Amino acid sequence: MDESRINRINELARKSKTVGLTPEEKNEQTLLRREFIAAIRMNVRSQLDNIDIEQEDGSIVNLGEKYGDKTAH
């Protein structure tokens, strides 16, 4: 998500606290928030997929390979 979209989210949040939003702006705010949350989830998932854990027996297990195939997330 680029900086201009984040700025728009913040602008709509400030406006909703002061004067209120039109129905079109509320819809835009909802869509932007969903997009933002999806981007955050994707970034967190990417970071978690790149974590390696050393087991007690000395082997290294990548969490992305171990848990990445599950679709319940």
PDB file of N, CA and C in Angstrom:
ATOM      1  N   MET A   1       0.855  -1.171   0.000  1.00  0.00           N
ATOM      2  CA  MET A   1       0.000   0.000   0.000  1.00  0.00           C
ATOM      3  C   MET A   1       0.897   1.228   0.000  1.00  0.00           C
ATOM      4  N   ASP A   2       0.612   2.155  -0.887  1.00  0.00           N
ATOM      5  CA  ASP A   2       1.460   3.334  -1.002  1.00  0.00           C
ATOM      6  C   ASP A   2       1.063   4.426   0.003  1.00  0.00           C
ATOM      7  N   GLU A   3       1.940   5.382   0.118  1.00  0.00           N
ATOM      8  CA  GLU A   3       1.793   6.448   1.120  1.00  0.00           C
ATOM      9  C   GLU A   3       0.542   7.297   0.883  1.00  0.00           C
ATOM     10  N   SER A   4       0.181   7.517  -0.378  1.00  0.00           N
ATOM     11  CA  SER A   4      -0.981   8.359  -0.669  1.00  0.00           C
ATOM     12  C   SER A   4      -2.272   7.716  -0.173  1.00  0.00           C
ATOM     13  N   ARG A   5      -2.367   6.390  -0.252  1.00  0.00           N
ATOM     14  CA  ARG A   5      -3.572   5.695   0.226  1.00  0.00           C
ATOM     15  C   ARG A   5      -3.636   5.728   1.755  1.00  0.00           C
ATOM     16  N   ILE A   6      -2.499   5.604   2.407  1.00  0.00           N
ATOM     17  CA  ILE A   6      -2.458   5.700   3.870  1.00  0.00           C
ATOM     18  C   ILE A   6      -2.837   7.113   4.305  1.00  0.00           C
ATOM     19  N   ASN A   7      -2.336   8.105   3.586  1.00  0.00           N
ATOM     20  CA  ASN A   7      -2.704   9.491   3.891  1.00  0.00           C
ATOM     21  C   ASN A   7      -4.197   9.709   3.721  1.00  0.00           C
ATOM     22  N   ARG A   8      -4.789   9.079   2.715  1.00  0.00           N
ATOM     23  CA  ARG A   8      -6.240   9.215   2.490  1.00  0.00           C
ATOM     24  C   ARG A   8      -7.018   8.570   3.636  1.00  0.00           C
ATOM     25  N   ILE A   9      -6.551   7.422   4.134  1.00  0.00           N
ATOM     26  CA  ILE A   9      -7.191   6.781   5.287  1.00  0.00           C
ATOM     27  C   ILE A   9      -7.179   7.731   6.477  1.00  0.00           C
ATOM     28  N   ASN A  10      -6.039   8.335   6.735  1.00  0.00           N
ATOM     29  CA  ASN A  10      -5.909   9.262   7.859  1.00  0.00           C
ATOM     30  C   ASN A  10      -6.778  10.505   7.664  1.00  0.00           C
ATOM     31  N   GLU A  11      -6.829  10.997   6.430  1.00  0.00           N
ATOM     32  CA  GLU A  11      -7.655  12.171   6.129  1.00  0.00           C
ATOM     33  C   GLU A  11      -9.134  11.868   6.386  1.00  0.00           C
ATOM     34  N   LEU A  12      -9.592  10.699   5.946  1.00  0.00           N
ATOM     35  CA  LEU A  12     -10.990  10.321   6.176  1.00  0.00           C
ATOM     36  C   LEU A  12     -11.274  10.112   7.660  1.00  0.00           C
ATOM     37  N   ALA A  13     -10.316   9.573   8.383  1.00  0.00           N
ATOM     38  CA  ALA A  13     -10.507   9.368   9.826  1.00  0.00           C
ATOM     39  C   ALA A  13     -10.655  10.706  10.542  1.00  0.00           C
ATOM     40  N   ARG A  14      -9.810  11.664  10.186  1.00  0.00           N
ATOM     41  CA  ARG A  14      -9.911  12.997  10.804  1.00  0.00           C
ATOM     42  C   ARG A  14     -11.243  13.662  10.457  1.00  0.00           C
ATOM     43  N   LYS A  15     -11.645  13.542   9.204  1.00  0.00           N
ATOM     44  CA  LYS A  15     -12.891  14.167   8.779  1.00  0.00           C
ATOM     45  C   LYS A  15     -14.095  13.525   9.462  1.00  0.00           C
ATOM     46  N   SER A  16     -14.048  12.203   9.650  1.00  0.00           N
ATOM     47  CA  SER A  16     -15.186  11.533  10.306  1.00  0.00           C
ATOM     48  C   SER A  16     -15.330  11.977  11.758  1.00  0.00           C
ATOM     49  N   LYS A  17     -14.224  12.336  12.396  1.00  0.00           N
ATOM     50  CA  LYS A  17     -14.282  12.794  13.793  1.00  0.00           C
ATOM     51  C   LYS A  17     -14.770  14.237  13.900  1.00  0.00           C
ATOM     52  N   THR A  18     -14.555  15.022  12.864  1.00  0.00           N
ATOM     53  CA  THR A  18     -14.917  16.433  12.955  1.00  0.00           C
ATOM     54  C   THR A  18     -16.283  16.729  12.337  1.00  0.00           C
ATOM     55  N   VAL A  19     -16.423  16.570  11.027  1.00  0.00           N
ATOM     56  CA  VAL A  19     -17.663  16.958  10.356  1.00  0.00           C
ATOM     57  C   VAL A  19     -18.504  15.778   9.891  1.00  0.00           C
ATOM     58  N   GLY A  20     -17.935  14.593   9.884  1.00  0.00           N
ATOM     59  CA  GLY A  20     -18.668  13.423   9.409  1.00  0.00           C
ATOM     60  C   GLY A  20     -18.369  13.127   7.955  1.00  0.00           C
ATOM     61  N   LEU A  21     -18.745  11.938   7.527  1.00  0.00           N
ATOM     62  CA  LEU A  21     -18.468  11.490   6.165  1.00  0.00           C
ATOM     63  C   LEU A  21     -19.762  11.292   5.384  1.00  0.00           C
ATOM     64  N   THR A  22     -19.657  11.506   4.083  1.00  0.00           N
ATOM     65  CA  THR A  22     -20.774  11.192   3.199  1.00  0.00           C
ATOM     66  C   THR A  22     -20.813   9.669   3.017  1.00  0.00           C
ATOM     67  N   PRO A  23     -21.919   9.128   2.540  1.00  0.00           N
ATOM     68  CA  PRO A  23     -21.969   7.675   2.307  1.00  0.00           C
ATOM     69  C   PRO A  23     -20.874   7.176   1.354  1.00  0.00           C
ATOM     70  N   GLU A  24     -20.538   7.981   0.344  1.00  0.00           N
ATOM     71  CA  GLU A  24     -19.471   7.595  -0.582  1.00  0.00           C
ATOM     72  C   GLU A  24     -18.121   7.542   0.126  1.00  0.00           C
ATOM     73  N   GLU A  25     -17.883   8.510   1.001  1.00  0.00           N
ATOM     74  CA  GLU A  25     -16.625   8.538   1.745  1.00  0.00           C
ATOM     75  C   GLU A  25     -16.553   7.386   2.739  1.00  0.00           C
ATOM     76  N   LYS A  26     -17.684   7.028   3.337  1.00  0.00           N
ATOM     77  CA  LYS A  26     -17.701   5.888   4.249  1.00  0.00           C
ATOM     78  C   LYS A  26     -17.349   4.604   3.506  1.00  0.00           C
ATOM     79  N   ASN A  27     -17.898   4.443   2.303  1.00  0.00           N
ATOM     80  CA  ASN A  27     -17.571   3.271   1.491  1.00  0.00           C
ATOM     81  C   ASN A  27     -16.092   3.256   1.119  1.00  0.00           C
ATOM     82  N   GLU A  28     -15.569   4.418   0.743  1.00  0.00           N
ATOM     83  CA  GLU A  28     -14.156   4.525   0.406  1.00  0.00           C
ATOM     84  C   GLU A  28     -13.290   4.181   1.613  1.00  0.00           C
ATOM     85  N   GLN A  29     -13.684   4.679   2.777  1.00  0.00           N
ATOM     86  CA  GLN A  29     -12.936   4.411   4.000  1.00  0.00           C
ATOM     87  C   GLN A  29     -12.930   2.914   4.317  1.00  0.00           C
ATOM     88  N   THR A  30     -14.074   2.270   4.163  1.00  0.00           N
ATOM     89  CA  THR A  30     -14.165   0.831   4.415  1.00  0.00           C
ATOM     90  C   THR A  30     -13.261   0.051   3.471  1.00  0.00           C
ATOM     91  N   LEU A  31     -13.287   0.404   2.193  1.00  0.00           N
ATOM     92  CA  LEU A  31     -12.448  -0.295   1.216  1.00  0.00           C
ATOM     93  C   LEU A  31     -10.962  -0.072   1.493  1.00  0.00           C
ATOM     94  N   LEU A  32     -10.600   1.156   1.823  1.00  0.00           N
ATOM     95  CA  LEU A  32      -9.197   1.445   2.122  1.00  0.00           C
ATOM     96  C   LEU A  32      -8.728   0.718   3.376  1.00  0.00           C
ATOM     97  N   ARG A  33      -9.579   0.649   4.385  1.00  0.00           N
ATOM     98  CA  ARG A  33      -9.213  -0.065   5.610  1.00  0.00           C
ATOM     99  C   ARG A  33      -9.032  -1.556   5.342  1.00  0.00           C
ATOM    100  N   ARG A  34      -9.919  -2.130   4.531  1.00  0.00           N
ATOM    101  CA  ARG A  34      -9.783  -3.553   4.187  1.00  0.00           C
ATOM    102  C   ARG A  34      -8.487  -3.806   3.427  1.00  0.00           C
ATOM    103  N   GLU A  35      -8.170  -2.914   2.500  1.00  0.00           N
ATOM    104  CA  GLU A  35      -6.930  -3.053   1.742  1.00  0.00           C
ATOM    105  C   GLU A  35      -5.715  -2.941   2.662  1.00  0.00           C
ATOM    106  N   PHE A  36      -5.774  -2.001   3.609  1.00  0.00           N
ATOM    107  CA  PHE A  36      -4.682  -1.815   4.558  1.00  0.00           C
ATOM    108  C   PHE A  36      -4.486  -3.056   5.419  1.00  0.00           C
ATOM    109  N   ILE A  37      -5.573  -3.604   5.937  1.00  0.00           N
ATOM    110  CA  ILE A  37      -5.494  -4.802   6.777  1.00  0.00           C
ATOM    111  C   ILE A  37      -4.949  -5.982   5.980  1.00  0.00           C
ATOM    112  N   ALA A  38      -5.368  -6.115   4.729  1.00  0.00           N
ATOM    113  CA  ALA A  38      -4.859  -7.195   3.881  1.00  0.00           C
ATOM    114  C   ALA A  38      -3.354  -7.049   3.660  1.00  0.00           C
ATOM    115  N   ALA A  39      -2.895  -5.821   3.475  1.00  0.00           N
ATOM    116  CA  ALA A  39      -1.466  -5.584   3.285  1.00  0.00           C
ATOM    117  C   ALA A  39      -0.684  -5.930   4.550  1.00  0.00           C
ATOM    118  N   ILE A  40      -1.221  -5.559   5.706  1.00  0.00           N
ATOM    119  CA  ILE A  40      -0.562  -5.882   6.973  1.00  0.00           C
ATOM    120  C   ILE A  40      -0.491  -7.389   7.162  1.00  0.00           C
ATOM    121  N   ARG A  41      -1.598  -8.081   6.912  1.00  0.00           N
ATOM    122  CA  ARG A  41      -1.606  -9.540   7.048  1.00  0.00           C
ATOM    123  C   ARG A  41      -0.594 -10.196   6.123  1.00  0.00           C
ATOM    124  N   MET A  42      -0.504  -9.707   4.884  1.00  0.00           N
ATOM    125  CA  MET A  42       0.434 -10.267   3.931  1.00  0.00           C
ATOM    126  C   MET A  42       1.875 -10.053   4.402  1.00  0.00           C
ATOM    127  N   ASN A  43       2.169  -8.868   4.942  1.00  0.00           N
ATOM    128  CA  ASN A  43       3.517  -8.590   5.442  1.00  0.00           C
ATOM    129  C   ASN A  43       3.867  -9.468   6.633  1.00  0.00           C
ATOM    130  N   VAL A  44       2.933  -9.636   7.553  1.00  0.00           N
ATOM    131  CA  VAL A  44       3.186 -10.475   8.730  1.00  0.00           C
ATOM    132  C   VAL A  44       3.383 -11.923   8.305  1.00  0.00           C
ATOM    133  N   ARG A  45       2.530 -12.405   7.403  1.00  0.00           N
ATOM    134  CA  ARG A  45       2.651 -13.774   6.914  1.00  0.00           C
ATOM    135  C   ARG A  45       4.002 -13.989   6.245  1.00  0.00           C
ATOM    136  N   SER A  46       4.436 -13.016   5.459  1.00  0.00           N
ATOM    137  CA  SER A  46       5.727 -13.101   4.785  1.00  0.00           C
ATOM    138  C   SER A  46       6.864 -13.189   5.788  1.00  0.00           C
ATOM    139  N   GLN A  47       6.790 -12.389   6.835  1.00  0.00           N
ATOM    140  CA  GLN A  47       7.830 -12.429   7.861  1.00  0.00           C
ATOM    141  C   GLN A  47       7.828 -13.762   8.595  1.00  0.00           C
ATOM    142  N   LEU A  48       6.644 -14.252   8.935  1.00  0.00           N
ATOM    143  CA  LEU A  48       6.562 -15.517   9.654  1.00  0.00           C
ATOM    144  C   LEU A  48       7.036 -16.687   8.791  1.00  0.00           C
ATOM    145  N   ASP A  49       6.778 -16.619   7.488  1.00  0.00           N
ATOM    146  CA  ASP A  49       7.201 -17.679   6.588  1.00  0.00           C
ATOM    147  C   ASP A  49       8.723 -17.764   6.464  1.00  0.00           C
ATOM    148  N   ASN A  50       9.416 -16.705   6.821  1.00  0.00           N
ATOM    149  CA  ASN A  50      10.873 -16.689   6.706  1.00  0.00           C
ATOM    150  C   ASN A  50      11.589 -16.962   8.025  1.00  0.00           C
ATOM    151  N   ILE A  51      10.874 -17.407   9.038  1.00  0.00           N
ATOM    152  CA  ILE A  51      11.482 -17.710  10.329  1.00  0.00           C
ATOM    153  C   ILE A  51      11.943 -19.160  10.340  1.00  0.00           C
ATOM    154  N   ASP A  52      13.187 -19.360  10.729  1.00  0.00           N
ATOM    155  CA  ASP A  52      13.743 -20.697  10.897  1.00  0.00           C
ATOM    156  C   ASP A  52      13.924 -20.963  12.382  1.00  0.00           C
ATOM    157  N   ILE A  53      13.550 -22.169  12.806  1.00  0.00           N
ATOM    158  CA  ILE A  53      13.686 -22.553  14.205  1.00  0.00           C
ATOM    159  C   ILE A  53      14.589 -23.780  14.289  1.00  0.00           C
ATOM    160  N   GLU A  54      15.554 -23.721  15.198  1.00  0.00           N
ATOM    161  CA  GLU A  54      16.440 -24.862  15.395  1.00  0.00           C
ATOM    162  C   GLU A  54      15.806 -25.794  16.418  1.00  0.00           C
ATOM    163  N   GLN A  55      15.628 -27.040  16.025  1.00  0.00           N
ATOM    164  CA  GLN A  55      15.035 -28.046  16.894  1.00  0.00           C
ATOM    165  C   GLN A  55      16.075 -28.562  17.887  1.00  0.00           C
ATOM    166  N   GLU A  56      15.624 -29.320  18.869  1.00  0.00           N
ATOM    167  CA  GLU A  56      16.532 -29.858  19.881  1.00  0.00           C
ATOM    168  C   GLU A  56      17.575 -30.790  19.279  1.00  0.00           C
ATOM    169  N   ASP A  57      17.220 -31.475  18.198  1.00  0.00           N
ATOM    170  CA  ASP A  57      18.167 -32.394  17.572  1.00  0.00           C
ATOM    171  C   ASP A  57      19.150 -31.682  16.638  1.00  0.00           C
ATOM    172  N   GLY A  58      19.050 -30.367  16.524  1.00  0.00           N
ATOM    173  CA  GLY A  58      19.968 -29.589  15.714  1.00  0.00           C
ATOM    174  C   GLY A  58      19.455 -29.286  14.321  1.00  0.00           C
ATOM    175  N   SER A  59      18.367 -29.902  13.924  1.00  0.00           N
ATOM    176  CA  SER A  59      17.822 -29.630  12.598  1.00  0.00           C
ATOM    177  C   SER A  59      17.133 -28.263  12.592  1.00  0.00           C
ATOM    178  N   ILE A  60      17.084 -27.669  11.425  1.00  0.00           N
ATOM    179  CA  ILE A  60      16.461 -26.356  11.276  1.00  0.00           C
ATOM    180  C   ILE A  60      15.177 -26.524  10.474  1.00  0.00           C
ATOM    181  N   VAL A  61      14.081 -25.982  11.027  1.00  0.00           N
ATOM    182  CA  VAL A  61      12.779 -26.088  10.389  1.00  0.00           C
ATOM    183  C   VAL A  61      12.308 -24.685  10.015  1.00  0.00           C
ATOM    184  N   ASN A  62      11.913 -24.516   8.766  1.00  0.00           N
ATOM    185  CA  ASN A  62      11.361 -23.254   8.302  1.00  0.00           C
ATOM    186  C   ASN A  62       9.865 -23.263   8.572  1.00  0.00           C
ATOM    187  N   LEU A  63       9.364 -22.255   9.277  1.00  0.00           N
ATOM    188  CA  LEU A  63       7.947 -22.214   9.624  1.00  0.00           C
ATOM    189  C   LEU A  63       7.050 -22.054   8.401  1.00  0.00           C
ATOM    190  N   GLY A  64       7.538 -21.371   7.380  1.00  0.00           N
ATOM    191  CA  GLY A  64       6.756 -21.225   6.163  1.00  0.00           C
ATOM    192  C   GLY A  64       6.529 -22.558   5.477  1.00  0.00           C
ATOM    193  N   GLU A  65       7.561 -23.391   5.469  1.00  0.00           N
ATOM    194  CA  GLU A  65       7.420 -24.706   4.858  1.00  0.00           C
ATOM    195  C   GLU A  65       6.585 -25.642   5.733  1.00  0.00           C
ATOM    196  N   LYS A  66       6.686 -25.477   7.039  1.00  0.00           N
ATOM    197  CA  LYS A  66       5.973 -26.357   7.947  1.00  0.00           C
ATOM    198  C   LYS A  66       4.490 -26.012   8.040  1.00  0.00           C
ATOM    199  N   TYR A  67       4.167 -24.722   8.105  1.00  0.00           N
ATOM    200  CA  TYR A  67       2.781 -24.304   8.321  1.00  0.00           C
ATOM    201  C   TYR A  67       2.182 -23.516   7.163  1.00  0.00           C
ATOM    202  N   GLY A  68       2.956 -23.180   6.168  1.00  0.00           N
ATOM    203  CA  GLY A  68       2.492 -22.310   5.092  1.00  0.00           C
ATOM    204  C   GLY A  68       1.407 -22.888   4.211  1.00  0.00           C
ATOM    205  N   ASP A  69       1.257 -24.204   4.159  1.00  0.00           N
ATOM    206  CA  ASP A  69       0.282 -24.810   3.270  1.00  0.00           C
ATOM    207  C   ASP A  69      -1.129 -24.760   3.818  1.00  0.00           C
ATOM    208  N   LYS A  70      -1.300 -24.413   5.069  1.00  0.00           N
ATOM    209  CA  LYS A  70      -2.632 -24.382   5.669  1.00  0.00           C
ATOM    210  C   LYS A  70      -3.410 -23.181   5.146  1.00  0.00           C
ATOM    211  N   THR A  71      -4.679 -23.385   4.826  1.00  0.00           N
ATOM    212  CA  THR A  71      -5.487 -22.303   4.267  1.00  0.00           C
ATOM    213  C   THR A  71      -6.442 -21.705   5.300  1.00  0.00           C
ATOM    214  N   ALA A  72      -6.346 -22.106   6.538  1.00  0.00           N
ATOM    215  CA  ALA A  72      -7.272 -21.635   7.574  1.00  0.00           C
ATOM    216  C   ALA A  72      -6.902 -20.263   8.126  1.00  0.00           C
ATOM    217  N   HIS A  73      -5.854 -19.635   7.624  1.00  0.00           N
ATOM    218  CA  HIS A  73      -5.405 -18.350   8.174  1.00  0.00           C
ATOM    219  C   HIS A  73      -6.287 -17.247   7.751  1.00  0.00           C
TER     220      HIS A  73
END
